[in-house]
Protein backbone atom coordinates (compact mmCIF):
# COMPACT_ATOMS: atom_id res chain seq x y z
CA MET A 1 -35.78 22.26 7.73
CA PRO A 2 -33.61 19.88 9.82
CA THR A 3 -30.81 21.42 11.85
CA VAL A 4 -27.19 20.24 11.71
CA SER A 5 -25.22 20.09 14.95
CA PRO A 6 -21.82 21.84 15.18
CA THR A 7 -20.21 18.44 15.70
CA SER A 8 -21.71 17.13 12.45
CA GLN A 9 -20.65 20.28 10.60
CA THR A 10 -17.09 19.95 11.88
CA ARG A 11 -16.93 16.30 10.88
CA ALA A 12 -18.28 17.14 7.42
CA ARG A 13 -15.61 19.81 6.94
CA GLN A 14 -12.92 17.36 8.04
CA LEU A 15 -14.16 14.79 5.57
CA GLY A 16 -14.25 17.36 2.81
CA ASP A 17 -10.69 18.48 3.50
CA VAL A 18 -9.12 15.04 3.85
CA LEU A 19 -11.05 12.48 1.86
CA PRO A 20 -10.67 13.77 -1.71
CA PRO A 21 -6.85 13.48 -1.88
CA LEU A 22 -6.88 10.11 -0.11
CA VAL A 23 -9.87 8.40 -1.67
CA VAL A 24 -9.45 9.83 -5.17
CA ARG A 25 -5.81 8.73 -5.36
CA ALA A 26 -6.70 5.28 -4.06
CA GLU A 27 -9.58 4.89 -6.50
CA ARG A 28 -7.43 5.98 -9.44
CA ILE A 29 -4.73 3.48 -8.54
CA ALA A 30 -7.33 0.74 -8.13
CA ALA A 31 -8.75 1.57 -11.56
CA THR A 32 -5.36 1.22 -13.23
CA VAL A 33 -4.61 -2.06 -11.46
CA LEU A 34 -7.80 -3.94 -12.13
CA GLN A 35 -10.56 -3.83 -14.72
CA GLY A 36 -13.50 -5.78 -13.38
CA SER A 37 -13.58 -7.66 -10.09
CA HIS A 38 -13.59 -11.14 -8.63
CA GLY A 39 -13.82 -12.74 -5.21
CA LEU A 40 -10.67 -13.73 -3.42
CA ARG A 41 -10.19 -17.17 -1.96
CA ARG A 42 -10.30 -18.23 1.64
CA ALA A 43 -10.03 -21.45 3.59
CA GLY A 44 -13.00 -23.67 4.24
CA VAL A 45 -14.65 -26.86 3.06
CA GLY A 46 -13.12 -27.86 -0.27
CA GLU A 47 -10.64 -30.04 -2.08
CA ASN A 48 -7.94 -27.62 -3.25
CA PHE A 49 -5.04 -26.57 -1.01
CA TRP A 50 -5.33 -22.98 0.24
CA ALA A 51 -2.72 -22.17 2.88
CA TYR A 52 -0.94 -23.32 6.02
CA ARG A 53 -1.66 -21.79 9.43
CA PRO A 54 -0.35 -22.48 12.95
CA TYR A 55 -2.17 -25.17 14.95
CA GLY A 56 -4.53 -23.52 17.44
CA PHE A 57 -6.98 -24.27 20.22
CA GLY A 58 -9.92 -26.30 18.96
CA ASP A 59 -8.11 -27.76 15.95
CA SER A 60 -8.08 -31.51 15.54
CA ALA A 61 -4.64 -33.13 15.76
CA GLN A 62 -5.63 -35.17 12.70
CA ARG A 63 -5.45 -31.99 10.60
CA ILE A 64 -1.76 -31.32 11.39
CA ASP A 65 0.47 -31.43 8.33
CA TRP A 66 3.51 -33.22 9.75
CA ARG A 67 5.72 -32.62 6.71
CA LYS A 68 5.26 -28.85 6.94
CA SER A 69 5.50 -28.91 10.74
CA ALA A 70 8.80 -30.79 10.64
CA LYS A 71 10.41 -27.77 8.91
CA THR A 72 9.47 -25.34 11.69
CA ASP A 73 9.34 -25.19 15.47
CA GLU A 74 5.56 -25.56 15.70
CA PRO A 75 2.70 -27.63 14.22
CA PHE A 76 0.84 -26.32 11.16
CA ILE A 77 -2.67 -26.99 9.87
CA LYS A 78 -3.31 -27.46 6.15
CA ASP A 79 -6.44 -25.58 5.05
CA ASN A 80 -8.35 -26.21 1.84
CA GLU A 81 -9.93 -23.61 -0.40
CA TRP A 82 -13.48 -22.40 -0.24
CA GLN A 83 -14.55 -20.16 -3.13
CA THR A 84 -16.46 -17.44 -1.33
CA VAL A 85 -16.35 -13.74 -0.57
CA ASN A 86 -13.30 -12.69 1.43
CA THR A 87 -12.99 -10.31 4.37
CA LEU A 88 -10.01 -7.95 4.37
CA TRP A 89 -8.85 -6.46 7.67
CA LEU A 90 -6.55 -3.48 7.12
CA TRP A 91 -4.15 -1.73 9.47
CA VAL A 92 -1.83 1.15 8.55
CA ASN A 93 0.81 2.39 10.97
CA LEU A 94 0.27 6.14 11.41
CA GLY A 95 2.61 6.58 14.37
CA PRO A 96 5.32 9.28 14.62
CA ARG A 97 7.96 7.30 12.65
CA MET A 98 5.70 7.21 9.61
CA LYS A 99 5.89 11.00 9.27
CA PHE A 100 9.51 10.76 8.13
CA MET A 101 10.41 12.06 4.65
CA SER A 102 13.92 12.57 3.27
CA HIS A 103 15.11 14.54 0.28
CA LEU A 104 15.00 11.29 -1.73
CA ALA A 105 11.21 10.97 -1.45
CA SER A 106 8.31 13.14 -2.58
CA GLU A 107 6.07 12.57 0.45
CA PRO A 108 6.13 11.04 3.95
CA LYS A 109 5.84 7.32 4.53
CA GLN A 110 2.43 7.65 6.14
CA ASP A 111 0.91 9.36 3.08
CA GLN A 112 1.89 6.54 0.77
CA ALA A 113 1.00 3.90 3.35
CA GLN A 114 -2.53 5.28 3.60
CA VAL A 115 -3.00 5.42 -0.17
CA LEU A 116 -1.65 1.87 -0.58
CA GLY A 117 -4.02 0.56 2.07
CA LEU A 118 -7.03 2.40 0.67
CA ALA A 119 -6.23 1.22 -2.87
CA LEU A 120 -6.26 -2.41 -1.69
CA ALA A 121 -9.49 -1.72 0.16
CA ALA A 122 -10.99 -0.18 -2.98
CA LEU A 123 -10.05 -3.24 -5.04
CA SER A 124 -11.57 -5.54 -2.46
CA LEU A 125 -14.78 -3.50 -2.33
CA ARG A 126 -15.01 -3.60 -6.12
CA ALA A 127 -14.94 -7.37 -5.77
CA HIS A 128 -17.89 -7.17 -3.35
CA GLU A 129 -15.71 -8.19 -0.44
CA ARG A 130 -16.02 -6.98 3.13
CA VAL A 131 -13.39 -4.57 4.45
CA GLY A 132 -12.69 -3.48 8.01
CA LEU A 133 -10.00 -1.81 10.10
CA LEU A 134 -7.93 -4.08 12.33
CA GLY A 135 -8.41 -3.15 15.96
CA SER A 136 -11.76 -1.48 15.34
CA GLN A 137 -14.89 -2.67 17.11
CA ALA A 138 -16.89 -2.06 13.93
CA ARG A 139 -17.68 -5.09 11.80
CA ALA A 140 -16.19 -5.40 8.34
CA SER A 141 -18.70 -4.46 5.67
CA PHE A 142 -19.06 -3.57 2.01
CA GLY A 143 -20.80 -0.75 0.17
CA ARG A 144 -20.17 2.59 -1.47
CA ASP A 145 -19.45 4.50 1.74
CA VAL A 146 -17.07 2.00 3.35
CA LEU A 147 -13.92 3.43 1.74
CA SER A 148 -14.76 6.96 2.87
CA ARG A 149 -15.44 5.79 6.43
CA ILE A 150 -12.15 3.91 6.54
CA ALA A 151 -10.28 6.92 5.15
CA PHE A 152 -11.85 9.20 7.74
CA THR A 153 -10.90 6.84 10.57
CA MET A 154 -7.34 6.81 9.25
CA THR A 155 -7.20 10.60 9.51
CA GLN A 156 -7.66 10.23 13.26
CA GLY A 157 -4.24 8.52 13.36
CA ASN A 158 -2.98 5.86 15.77
CA ASP A 159 -0.05 5.34 18.13
CA GLY A 160 1.84 3.05 15.76
CA ASN A 161 1.28 -0.09 17.85
CA LEU A 162 -0.30 -2.99 16.01
CA PRO A 163 -3.60 -3.72 17.81
CA ALA A 164 -4.70 -7.12 19.02
CA PRO A 165 -7.52 -8.72 17.00
CA SER A 166 -11.00 -8.04 18.33
CA ALA A 167 -14.06 -8.51 16.10
CA LEU A 168 -12.30 -10.57 13.45
CA GLN A 169 -14.05 -13.20 11.40
CA ARG A 170 -12.18 -16.50 11.29
CA ARG A 171 -10.34 -17.22 8.06
CA SER A 172 -10.15 -13.61 6.95
CA THR A 173 -7.15 -11.79 5.50
CA ALA A 174 -5.07 -9.23 7.41
CA LEU A 175 -3.08 -6.59 5.53
CA ILE A 176 -0.61 -4.77 7.77
CA ILE A 177 1.25 -1.75 6.38
CA SER A 178 4.10 -0.30 8.43
CA ASP A 179 7.82 0.44 8.46
CA PHE A 180 8.27 -2.45 10.94
CA LEU A 181 11.06 -0.73 12.84
CA GLU A 182 9.72 -1.74 16.26
CA GLU A 183 11.22 -4.41 18.49
CA PRO A 184 10.88 -7.76 16.64
CA GLU A 185 9.56 -9.61 19.70
CA ALA A 186 6.69 -7.15 20.11
CA LEU A 187 5.78 -7.63 16.46
CA ARG A 188 6.02 -11.42 16.79
CA HIS A 189 3.57 -11.39 19.70
CA ARG A 190 0.96 -9.31 17.85
CA LEU A 191 1.22 -11.31 14.65
CA ARG A 192 0.86 -14.57 16.56
CA LEU A 193 -2.41 -13.31 18.06
CA ILE A 194 -3.66 -12.65 14.54
CA THR A 195 -2.72 -16.09 13.23
CA GLU A 196 -4.21 -17.78 16.29
CA SER A 197 -7.51 -16.11 15.50
CA GLY A 198 -7.54 -18.14 12.27
CA MET A 199 -6.47 -15.38 9.89
CA ARG A 200 -3.80 -15.38 7.21
CA GLY A 201 -1.86 -12.23 6.58
CA HIS A 202 0.39 -10.03 4.50
CA LEU A 203 3.01 -7.50 5.61
CA LEU A 204 3.87 -4.48 3.46
CA GLN A 205 6.93 -2.56 4.63
CA VAL A 206 7.01 1.09 3.56
CA THR A 207 10.52 2.53 3.65
CA ASP A 208 12.07 5.87 2.75
CA PRO A 209 15.19 5.34 0.57
CA ALA A 210 17.30 7.30 3.05
CA GLU A 211 16.42 4.87 5.82
CA GLU A 212 18.24 2.13 3.95
CA SER A 213 21.29 4.02 2.69
CA LEU A 214 21.94 6.82 5.24
CA PRO A 215 22.96 9.24 2.43
CA TYR A 216 24.31 11.95 4.75
CA SER A 217 27.80 13.35 5.17
CA GLY A 218 29.54 15.76 7.50
CA ARG A 219 27.98 17.20 10.65
CA THR A 220 24.43 15.86 10.95
CA ASP A 221 21.80 15.98 13.69
CA PHE A 222 19.58 12.89 14.01
CA LEU A 223 16.30 13.41 15.87
CA GLY A 224 14.06 10.66 17.21
CA LEU A 225 10.46 10.61 15.97
CA ASP A 226 8.86 8.07 18.28
CA VAL A 227 11.20 8.75 21.23
CA GLN A 228 12.80 11.91 22.60
CA ALA A 229 16.36 11.46 21.36
CA ARG A 230 19.01 13.48 19.57
CA PHE A 231 22.34 12.37 18.20
CA LYS A 232 24.97 14.64 16.67
CA ALA A 233 27.35 13.01 14.21
CA GLY A 234 30.57 14.76 13.29
CA LYS A 235 31.01 12.68 10.13
CA ALA A 236 27.74 10.93 9.30
CA GLN A 237 29.36 9.00 6.45
CA ASN A 238 31.45 7.06 8.98
CA LEU A 239 28.26 5.56 10.42
CA ARG A 240 26.94 4.32 7.09
CA SER A 241 28.39 0.82 6.97
CA GLU A 242 27.30 -0.24 10.46
CA TYR A 243 23.96 1.48 10.09
CA VAL A 244 23.13 -0.32 6.85
CA LYS A 245 24.02 -3.67 8.45
CA ALA A 246 21.74 -2.93 11.40
CA PHE A 247 18.88 -1.88 9.14
CA GLU A 248 19.20 -5.01 6.99
CA HIS A 249 19.32 -7.15 10.13
CA GLN A 250 16.07 -5.58 11.37
CA ARG A 251 14.35 -6.35 8.06
CA ALA A 252 15.67 -9.91 8.05
CA GLU A 253 14.24 -10.41 11.56
CA VAL A 254 10.81 -9.21 10.40
CA GLN A 255 10.94 -11.46 7.32
CA THR A 256 11.82 -14.46 9.48
CA ILE A 257 8.92 -13.76 11.83
CA ALA A 258 6.56 -13.38 8.88
CA ARG A 259 7.70 -16.63 7.28
CA LYS A 260 7.39 -18.67 10.47
CA LEU A 261 3.88 -17.38 11.14
CA GLY A 262 2.70 -17.84 7.57
CA PHE A 263 2.65 -14.17 6.54
CA SER A 264 3.86 -12.93 3.17
CA PHE A 265 6.29 -9.99 3.09
CA GLN A 266 6.56 -7.24 0.50
CA LEU A 267 8.64 -4.06 0.33
CA HIS A 268 7.70 -0.61 -0.99
CA HIS A 269 10.07 2.35 -1.25
CA THR A 270 8.51 5.81 -1.21
CA ASP A 271 10.29 6.73 -4.44
CA GLN A 272 8.66 3.82 -6.30
CA SER A 273 5.39 3.50 -8.23
CA LEU A 274 2.34 3.07 -6.03
CA SER A 275 0.43 1.28 -8.80
CA ALA A 276 3.16 -1.33 -9.26
CA THR A 277 3.17 -2.09 -5.54
CA VAL A 278 -0.63 -2.34 -5.38
CA LEU A 279 -0.74 -4.68 -8.38
CA LYS A 280 1.84 -7.04 -6.91
CA LEU A 281 0.23 -6.95 -3.48
CA TYR A 282 -3.29 -7.55 -4.80
CA GLN A 283 -2.12 -10.54 -6.75
CA ARG A 284 -0.41 -11.88 -3.65
CA VAL A 285 -3.48 -11.32 -1.48
CA GLY A 286 -5.58 -13.20 -4.02
CA GLU A 287 -3.20 -16.08 -4.63
CA LYS A 288 -1.86 -16.95 -1.17
């Protein structure tokens, strides 16, 4: 009889504890969103328009779309559609900020972010598409065990910093799920690296309702999650107006960055339906 190492036993127990709630929820959502499967589109040799992407090293100047480029600060390439199997590269922010949950939500941001990402991965795998984790050295692949391996890797967490592309296939799709509350310039730099690798992308912002409205009154302590900080407000309601303006400005900055780099942007509140968000996002991933 073969022996099982303690390390393997520990990993198996971890998988057993974590994967059922993550994978089962994701699979159930995927089942309600889509009956059947189909390949998504990507750029390549073809006649139909697919998407714009920033001009990069190695691109011919003859492929620049000057009409599109005239509307922005940089040249854009016009890609055509190639009907073939797509590769989805997924990244979910699991940093300290994503652990936040207010009284207006039923679970933390990171829990819903993981389920949303895994549901999109499940839909892609049903369509016989390759799926991988952005920043991982492992190649994207497809098969019955891919979703479980991705879910297990997610349980290891990350520092909340969007990784630079590594083993990405050109003309793949990146799905980035985060609260996008970092410095806009840092986000711009990472997204530009992704687009320069030849990928198109989609941003899904996961937000707790309280983060938008600051629904607190009276004496309130605010504690930092990703930095060691503490702020005591005597009358929290007096901060609401300026806070809401600052939060909306942050989101507008992210949306501007996404638009200029050719990313789509979608919002999900943690008090909303996960299935509705997945359906809209999957349609967007397939159509853009």
